N, C-alpha and C. Protein backbone atom coordinates (compact mmCIF):
# COMPACT_ATOMS: atom_id res chain seq x y z
N MET A 1 -7.55 9.80 -22.77
CA MET A 1 -7.50 9.92 -21.32
C MET A 1 -8.68 9.21 -20.68
N ILE A 2 -9.88 9.33 -21.30
CA ILE A 2 -11.07 8.66 -20.76
C ILE A 2 -10.88 7.16 -20.82
N LYS A 3 -10.26 6.67 -21.91
CA LYS A 3 -10.02 5.24 -22.06
C LYS A 3 -9.12 4.73 -20.94
N VAL A 4 -8.08 5.49 -20.59
CA VAL A 4 -7.17 5.10 -19.52
C VAL A 4 -7.91 5.05 -18.19
N LYS A 5 -8.75 6.05 -17.91
CA LYS A 5 -9.50 6.08 -16.66
C LYS A 5 -10.44 4.89 -16.57
N LYS A 6 -11.11 4.59 -17.69
CA LYS A 6 -12.04 3.45 -17.72
C LYS A 6 -11.28 2.15 -17.49
N TYR A 7 -10.13 2.01 -18.14
CA TYR A 7 -9.29 0.83 -17.99
C TYR A 7 -8.84 0.67 -16.54
N CYS A 8 -8.39 1.75 -15.93
CA CYS A 8 -7.93 1.72 -14.53
C CYS A 8 -9.08 1.36 -13.60
N PHE A 9 -10.24 1.95 -13.86
CA PHE A 9 -11.40 1.67 -13.02
C PHE A 9 -11.76 0.19 -13.10
N LEU A 10 -11.77 -0.36 -14.31
CA LEU A 10 -12.09 -1.77 -14.48
C LEU A 10 -11.07 -2.68 -13.81
N LEU A 11 -9.79 -2.31 -13.90
CA LEU A 11 -8.75 -3.09 -13.22
C LEU A 11 -8.93 -3.04 -11.71
N GLY A 12 -9.26 -1.87 -11.20
CA GLY A 12 -9.47 -1.72 -9.76
C GLY A 12 -10.64 -2.55 -9.27
N VAL A 13 -11.75 -2.53 -10.02
CA VAL A 13 -12.93 -3.32 -9.65
C VAL A 13 -12.59 -4.80 -9.70
N LEU A 14 -11.90 -5.23 -10.75
CA LEU A 14 -11.51 -6.62 -10.87
C LEU A 14 -10.62 -7.04 -9.71
N ALA A 15 -9.67 -6.19 -9.35
CA ALA A 15 -8.78 -6.49 -8.23
C ALA A 15 -9.56 -6.63 -6.94
N LEU A 16 -10.51 -5.74 -6.71
CA LEU A 16 -11.31 -5.81 -5.48
C LEU A 16 -12.15 -7.08 -5.43
N LEU A 17 -12.62 -7.55 -6.56
CA LEU A 17 -13.42 -8.77 -6.59
C LEU A 17 -12.58 -10.01 -6.37
N LEU A 18 -11.36 -10.00 -6.84
CA LEU A 18 -10.52 -11.18 -6.78
C LEU A 18 -9.63 -11.26 -5.55
N VAL A 19 -9.23 -10.14 -5.01
CA VAL A 19 -8.25 -10.11 -3.93
C VAL A 19 -8.69 -10.80 -2.65
N PRO A 20 -9.97 -10.75 -2.23
CA PRO A 20 -10.31 -11.37 -0.96
C PRO A 20 -10.16 -12.89 -0.90
N VAL A 21 -9.88 -13.53 -2.00
CA VAL A 21 -9.76 -14.99 -2.02
C VAL A 21 -8.35 -15.38 -1.59
N PHE A 22 -8.19 -15.78 -0.34
CA PHE A 22 -6.87 -16.12 0.19
C PHE A 22 -6.76 -17.57 0.59
N ALA A 23 -7.50 -18.46 -0.09
CA ALA A 23 -7.46 -19.88 0.24
C ALA A 23 -6.06 -20.46 0.00
N ASN A 24 -5.35 -19.98 -0.99
CA ASN A 24 -4.03 -20.50 -1.33
C ASN A 24 -2.92 -19.58 -0.84
N ALA A 25 -3.17 -18.80 0.18
CA ALA A 25 -2.20 -17.81 0.64
C ALA A 25 -1.10 -18.47 1.46
N GLU A 26 0.10 -17.90 1.37
CA GLU A 26 1.21 -18.32 2.20
C GLU A 26 1.90 -17.08 2.75
N MET A 27 2.36 -17.19 3.99
CA MET A 27 3.04 -16.07 4.63
C MET A 27 4.42 -15.89 4.01
N MET A 28 4.71 -14.67 3.58
CA MET A 28 6.04 -14.37 3.05
C MET A 28 6.31 -12.88 3.11
N THR A 29 7.55 -12.52 2.85
CA THR A 29 7.98 -11.13 2.81
C THR A 29 8.37 -10.78 1.39
N VAL A 30 7.88 -9.64 0.93
CA VAL A 30 8.15 -9.16 -0.43
C VAL A 30 8.82 -7.79 -0.30
N THR A 31 9.92 -7.61 -1.01
CA THR A 31 10.60 -6.32 -1.04
C THR A 31 10.50 -5.77 -2.45
N GLY A 32 10.08 -4.51 -2.55
CA GLY A 32 9.95 -3.92 -3.88
C GLY A 32 9.60 -2.46 -3.82
N LYS A 33 9.50 -1.87 -4.99
CA LYS A 33 9.20 -0.45 -5.13
C LYS A 33 7.70 -0.26 -5.29
N VAL A 34 7.14 0.72 -4.59
CA VAL A 34 5.72 1.04 -4.70
C VAL A 34 5.51 1.84 -5.99
N THR A 35 4.68 1.29 -6.87
CA THR A 35 4.47 1.86 -8.19
C THR A 35 2.98 1.96 -8.48
N GLY A 36 2.59 2.97 -9.21
CA GLY A 36 1.19 3.11 -9.61
C GLY A 36 0.80 2.01 -10.58
N LEU A 37 -0.39 1.46 -10.37
CA LEU A 37 -0.87 0.37 -11.21
C LEU A 37 -1.04 0.81 -12.66
N THR A 38 -1.58 1.99 -12.89
CA THR A 38 -1.77 2.48 -14.26
C THR A 38 -0.44 2.56 -14.99
N CYS A 39 0.55 3.12 -14.33
CA CYS A 39 1.88 3.24 -14.93
C CYS A 39 2.44 1.86 -15.26
N LEU A 40 2.30 0.94 -14.33
CA LEU A 40 2.82 -0.42 -14.52
C LEU A 40 2.14 -1.09 -15.71
N VAL A 41 0.82 -1.05 -15.76
CA VAL A 41 0.07 -1.72 -16.81
C VAL A 41 0.32 -1.09 -18.18
N GLN A 42 0.42 0.23 -18.21
CA GLN A 42 0.62 0.94 -19.48
C GLN A 42 2.09 0.94 -19.93
N GLY A 43 2.99 0.53 -19.04
CA GLY A 43 4.40 0.49 -19.39
C GLY A 43 5.10 1.83 -19.34
N PHE A 44 4.50 2.79 -18.64
CA PHE A 44 5.12 4.12 -18.51
C PHE A 44 6.02 4.15 -17.29
N ILE A 45 7.01 5.01 -17.32
CA ILE A 45 7.82 5.27 -16.14
C ILE A 45 7.20 6.48 -15.46
N CYS A 46 6.35 6.22 -14.52
CA CYS A 46 5.67 7.29 -13.81
C CYS A 46 5.16 6.74 -12.48
N PRO A 47 4.90 7.54 -11.51
CA PRO A 47 5.22 8.96 -11.47
C PRO A 47 6.73 9.15 -11.44
N VAL A 48 7.16 10.29 -11.92
CA VAL A 48 8.60 10.55 -11.98
C VAL A 48 9.16 11.05 -10.65
N ASP A 49 8.31 11.67 -9.85
CA ASP A 49 8.71 12.11 -8.51
C ASP A 49 7.45 12.30 -7.67
N LYS A 50 7.63 12.68 -6.42
CA LYS A 50 6.49 12.81 -5.50
C LYS A 50 5.56 13.97 -5.87
N ALA A 51 6.03 14.90 -6.70
CA ALA A 51 5.20 16.03 -7.11
C ALA A 51 4.42 15.74 -8.39
N ASP A 52 4.64 14.60 -9.00
CA ASP A 52 3.98 14.23 -10.25
C ASP A 52 2.48 14.08 -10.01
N PRO A 53 1.63 14.78 -10.77
CA PRO A 53 0.17 14.68 -10.60
C PRO A 53 -0.36 13.26 -10.80
N MET A 54 0.42 12.41 -11.43
CA MET A 54 -0.02 11.04 -11.66
C MET A 54 -0.27 10.30 -10.35
N ILE A 55 0.43 10.69 -9.28
CA ILE A 55 0.19 10.05 -7.98
C ILE A 55 -1.27 10.23 -7.58
N ASN A 56 -1.82 11.40 -7.81
CA ASN A 56 -3.22 11.66 -7.46
C ASN A 56 -4.19 10.95 -8.39
N LEU A 57 -3.80 10.70 -9.63
CA LEU A 57 -4.67 10.05 -10.59
C LEU A 57 -4.70 8.53 -10.45
N GLU A 58 -3.70 7.95 -9.80
CA GLU A 58 -3.63 6.50 -9.65
C GLU A 58 -4.81 5.99 -8.84
N LYS A 59 -5.36 4.88 -9.28
CA LYS A 59 -6.48 4.24 -8.57
C LYS A 59 -5.97 3.19 -7.58
N ASP A 60 -4.72 2.74 -7.77
CA ASP A 60 -4.13 1.78 -6.85
C ASP A 60 -2.62 1.77 -7.05
N PHE A 61 -1.91 1.30 -6.05
CA PHE A 61 -0.47 1.15 -6.10
C PHE A 61 -0.13 -0.30 -5.78
N VAL A 62 0.94 -0.79 -6.35
CA VAL A 62 1.38 -2.16 -6.13
C VAL A 62 2.85 -2.16 -5.74
N VAL A 63 3.30 -3.26 -5.15
CA VAL A 63 4.72 -3.45 -4.85
C VAL A 63 5.32 -4.25 -6.00
N VAL A 64 6.35 -3.68 -6.64
CA VAL A 64 7.00 -4.34 -7.77
C VAL A 64 8.38 -4.80 -7.32
N THR A 65 8.63 -6.10 -7.43
CA THR A 65 9.92 -6.67 -7.00
C THR A 65 10.98 -6.44 -8.07
N ALA A 66 12.22 -6.71 -7.72
CA ALA A 66 13.34 -6.55 -8.66
C ALA A 66 13.17 -7.45 -9.89
N SER A 67 12.50 -8.58 -9.72
CA SER A 67 12.30 -9.51 -10.84
C SER A 67 11.13 -9.11 -11.73
N GLY A 68 10.37 -8.06 -11.32
CA GLY A 68 9.25 -7.59 -12.11
C GLY A 68 7.90 -8.12 -11.67
N ASP A 69 7.88 -9.02 -10.68
CA ASP A 69 6.61 -9.48 -10.13
C ASP A 69 5.97 -8.32 -9.37
N TYR A 70 4.64 -8.29 -9.32
CA TYR A 70 3.97 -7.25 -8.56
C TYR A 70 2.85 -7.84 -7.73
N TYR A 71 2.54 -7.13 -6.63
CA TYR A 71 1.53 -7.59 -5.69
C TYR A 71 0.64 -6.43 -5.27
N PHE A 72 -0.68 -6.65 -5.33
CA PHE A 72 -1.63 -5.71 -4.76
C PHE A 72 -1.55 -5.82 -3.25
N MET A 73 -1.72 -4.71 -2.54
CA MET A 73 -1.76 -4.72 -1.07
C MET A 73 -3.23 -4.53 -0.70
N SER A 74 -3.93 -5.65 -0.53
CA SER A 74 -5.39 -5.64 -0.48
C SER A 74 -6.00 -4.93 0.73
N ASN A 75 -5.32 -4.90 1.83
CA ASN A 75 -5.91 -4.31 3.03
C ASN A 75 -5.26 -2.98 3.43
N ILE A 76 -4.55 -2.36 2.51
CA ILE A 76 -3.90 -1.09 2.78
C ILE A 76 -4.61 0.02 2.02
N GLY A 77 -4.89 1.11 2.69
CA GLY A 77 -5.58 2.24 2.08
C GLY A 77 -4.71 2.97 1.07
N LEU A 78 -5.37 3.64 0.15
CA LEU A 78 -4.68 4.35 -0.92
C LEU A 78 -3.75 5.44 -0.39
N GLY A 79 -4.13 6.10 0.69
CA GLY A 79 -3.29 7.16 1.26
C GLY A 79 -1.93 6.65 1.70
N LEU A 80 -1.92 5.51 2.39
CA LEU A 80 -0.65 4.94 2.86
C LEU A 80 0.18 4.45 1.68
N LYS A 81 -0.47 3.83 0.71
CA LYS A 81 0.26 3.38 -0.48
C LYS A 81 0.88 4.57 -1.21
N GLY A 82 0.11 5.63 -1.39
CA GLY A 82 0.61 6.82 -2.07
C GLY A 82 1.76 7.49 -1.34
N LYS A 83 1.72 7.42 -0.02
CA LYS A 83 2.79 8.03 0.78
C LYS A 83 4.15 7.40 0.46
N TYR A 84 4.14 6.11 0.15
CA TYR A 84 5.39 5.41 -0.13
C TYR A 84 5.62 5.17 -1.63
N ALA A 85 4.88 5.90 -2.48
CA ALA A 85 5.09 5.79 -3.93
C ALA A 85 6.55 6.10 -4.25
N LEU A 86 7.12 5.31 -5.12
CA LEU A 86 8.50 5.43 -5.58
C LEU A 86 9.53 4.94 -4.56
N GLU A 87 9.08 4.55 -3.39
CA GLU A 87 10.00 4.09 -2.35
C GLU A 87 10.07 2.56 -2.34
N THR A 88 11.19 2.03 -1.88
CA THR A 88 11.34 0.59 -1.70
C THR A 88 10.91 0.24 -0.29
N ILE A 89 9.98 -0.70 -0.19
CA ILE A 89 9.46 -1.13 1.10
C ILE A 89 9.55 -2.64 1.22
N GLU A 90 9.43 -3.12 2.43
CA GLU A 90 9.39 -4.55 2.71
C GLU A 90 8.01 -4.84 3.30
N VAL A 91 7.27 -5.71 2.64
CA VAL A 91 5.90 -6.02 3.03
C VAL A 91 5.82 -7.49 3.43
N SER A 92 5.29 -7.75 4.62
CA SER A 92 5.10 -9.13 5.08
C SER A 92 3.62 -9.39 5.23
N GLY A 93 3.21 -10.59 4.85
CA GLY A 93 1.81 -10.95 4.97
C GLY A 93 1.48 -12.22 4.22
N ASP A 94 0.19 -12.46 4.08
CA ASP A 94 -0.29 -13.64 3.38
C ASP A 94 -0.38 -13.34 1.89
N VAL A 95 0.43 -14.04 1.09
CA VAL A 95 0.49 -13.81 -0.35
C VAL A 95 -0.35 -14.84 -1.08
N ASN A 96 -1.16 -14.35 -2.01
CA ASN A 96 -1.91 -15.21 -2.91
C ASN A 96 -1.30 -15.00 -4.29
N LYS A 97 -0.48 -15.95 -4.72
CA LYS A 97 0.24 -15.81 -5.98
C LYS A 97 -0.70 -15.82 -7.18
N LYS A 98 -1.80 -16.55 -7.07
CA LYS A 98 -2.75 -16.63 -8.19
C LYS A 98 -3.31 -15.25 -8.52
N TYR A 99 -3.65 -14.48 -7.48
CA TYR A 99 -4.25 -13.16 -7.68
C TYR A 99 -3.25 -12.02 -7.48
N LYS A 100 -1.97 -12.37 -7.32
CA LYS A 100 -0.91 -11.37 -7.16
C LYS A 100 -1.25 -10.36 -6.08
N SER A 101 -1.65 -10.86 -4.93
CA SER A 101 -2.04 -9.96 -3.85
C SER A 101 -1.42 -10.41 -2.53
N ILE A 102 -1.33 -9.45 -1.63
CA ILE A 102 -0.80 -9.74 -0.30
C ILE A 102 -1.69 -9.05 0.73
N ARG A 103 -2.14 -9.83 1.70
CA ARG A 103 -2.88 -9.28 2.84
C ARG A 103 -1.80 -8.90 3.86
N VAL A 104 -1.50 -7.63 3.92
CA VAL A 104 -0.33 -7.12 4.63
C VAL A 104 -0.50 -7.22 6.14
N LYS A 105 0.56 -7.69 6.79
CA LYS A 105 0.62 -7.71 8.25
C LYS A 105 1.56 -6.62 8.76
N THR A 106 2.66 -6.38 8.01
CA THR A 106 3.58 -5.30 8.37
C THR A 106 4.19 -4.68 7.12
N ILE A 107 4.49 -3.38 7.24
CA ILE A 107 5.24 -2.67 6.20
C ILE A 107 6.46 -2.06 6.88
N LYS A 108 7.63 -2.30 6.28
CA LYS A 108 8.87 -1.70 6.76
C LYS A 108 9.41 -0.77 5.68
N TYR A 109 9.89 0.38 6.14
CA TYR A 109 10.55 1.35 5.27
C TYR A 109 11.88 1.71 5.90
N LYS A 110 12.95 1.51 5.16
CA LYS A 110 14.30 1.74 5.68
C LYS A 110 14.54 0.98 6.98
N GLY A 111 14.03 -0.25 7.05
CA GLY A 111 14.26 -1.12 8.20
C GLY A 111 13.34 -0.89 9.39
N LYS A 112 12.50 0.12 9.32
CA LYS A 112 11.62 0.45 10.45
C LYS A 112 10.17 0.10 10.10
N VAL A 113 9.47 -0.52 11.05
CA VAL A 113 8.06 -0.83 10.85
C VAL A 113 7.28 0.48 10.86
N VAL A 114 6.63 0.79 9.74
CA VAL A 114 5.86 2.03 9.63
C VAL A 114 4.35 1.77 9.68
N TRP A 115 3.95 0.51 9.51
CA TRP A 115 2.54 0.12 9.61
C TRP A 115 2.48 -1.35 9.95
N SER A 116 1.53 -1.70 10.81
CA SER A 116 1.26 -3.11 11.10
C SER A 116 -0.22 -3.24 11.46
N GLN A 117 -0.72 -4.47 11.37
CA GLN A 117 -2.10 -4.70 11.77
C GLN A 117 -2.29 -4.36 13.24
N ASP A 118 -1.29 -4.69 14.06
CA ASP A 118 -1.38 -4.38 15.49
C ASP A 118 -1.45 -2.87 15.74
N MET A 119 -0.64 -2.10 15.01
CA MET A 119 -0.65 -0.64 15.16
C MET A 119 -2.02 -0.08 14.78
N GLU A 120 -2.57 -0.59 13.67
CA GLU A 120 -3.88 -0.11 13.23
C GLU A 120 -4.98 -0.51 14.21
N SER A 121 -4.92 -1.73 14.73
CA SER A 121 -5.92 -2.19 15.71
C SER A 121 -5.89 -1.32 16.97
N ALA A 122 -4.68 -0.97 17.41
CA ALA A 122 -4.55 -0.11 18.59
C ALA A 122 -5.17 1.26 18.33
N MET A 123 -4.95 1.80 17.14
CA MET A 123 -5.54 3.10 16.80
C MET A 123 -7.06 3.02 16.72
N GLU A 124 -7.57 1.92 16.16
CA GLU A 124 -9.02 1.74 16.07
C GLU A 124 -9.66 1.68 17.46
N LYS A 125 -8.95 1.07 18.41
CA LYS A 125 -9.47 1.01 19.79
C LYS A 125 -9.44 2.38 20.43
N GLN A 126 -8.39 3.14 20.15
CA GLN A 126 -8.25 4.48 20.73
C GLN A 126 -9.25 5.45 20.10
N PHE A 127 -9.51 5.28 18.81
CA PHE A 127 -10.43 6.16 18.08
C PHE A 127 -11.50 5.30 17.41
N PRO A 128 -12.47 4.80 18.17
CA PRO A 128 -13.46 3.86 17.62
C PRO A 128 -14.36 4.44 16.54
N PHE A 129 -14.41 5.75 16.42
CA PHE A 129 -15.24 6.37 15.40
C PHE A 129 -14.58 6.38 14.03
N VAL A 130 -13.30 6.00 13.96
CA VAL A 130 -12.57 5.95 12.70
C VAL A 130 -12.52 4.50 12.23
N VAL A 131 -12.94 4.26 11.00
CA VAL A 131 -12.87 2.92 10.44
C VAL A 131 -11.95 2.95 9.24
N GLY A 132 -10.84 2.21 9.32
CA GLY A 132 -9.88 2.17 8.23
C GLY A 132 -10.24 1.12 7.20
N PRO A 133 -9.37 0.91 6.20
CA PRO A 133 -9.65 -0.03 5.13
C PRO A 133 -9.79 -1.46 5.61
N GLY A 134 -9.13 -1.81 6.71
CA GLY A 134 -9.24 -3.17 7.24
C GLY A 134 -10.35 -3.31 8.26
N GLY A 135 -10.95 -2.19 8.68
CA GLY A 135 -12.01 -2.22 9.69
C GLY A 135 -13.36 -2.57 9.12
N SER A 136 -14.33 -2.69 10.02
CA SER A 136 -15.68 -3.04 9.53
C SER A 136 -16.66 -1.93 9.82
């Protein structure tokens, strides 16, 4: 178990170091299932449902497409990613294929926009004392 935690921590740190590089980014939309990174890397089918404790243990979540490609959502907080664990979402933003990451501009769930940069910016203006993952 300690080995898995160490491995996940190292993957998370590596992702944080590499994700901000968006020189080769292109705007696109990705549709896929939100999956825990540990489960994906280890090849496990988990979490099995929203009550699975593995959701709390995950250090990051990724969007996995039908073809098996996956993308880190670099500017989205863990809470929002966890909320949509196991769900299929549509994510639009700047994709860096080299680092398998997307700087998200909008997230749609069941056809409805549930998060956007504009929505977050409006909230930051309304509540300036709150700084989200994309804030400074």
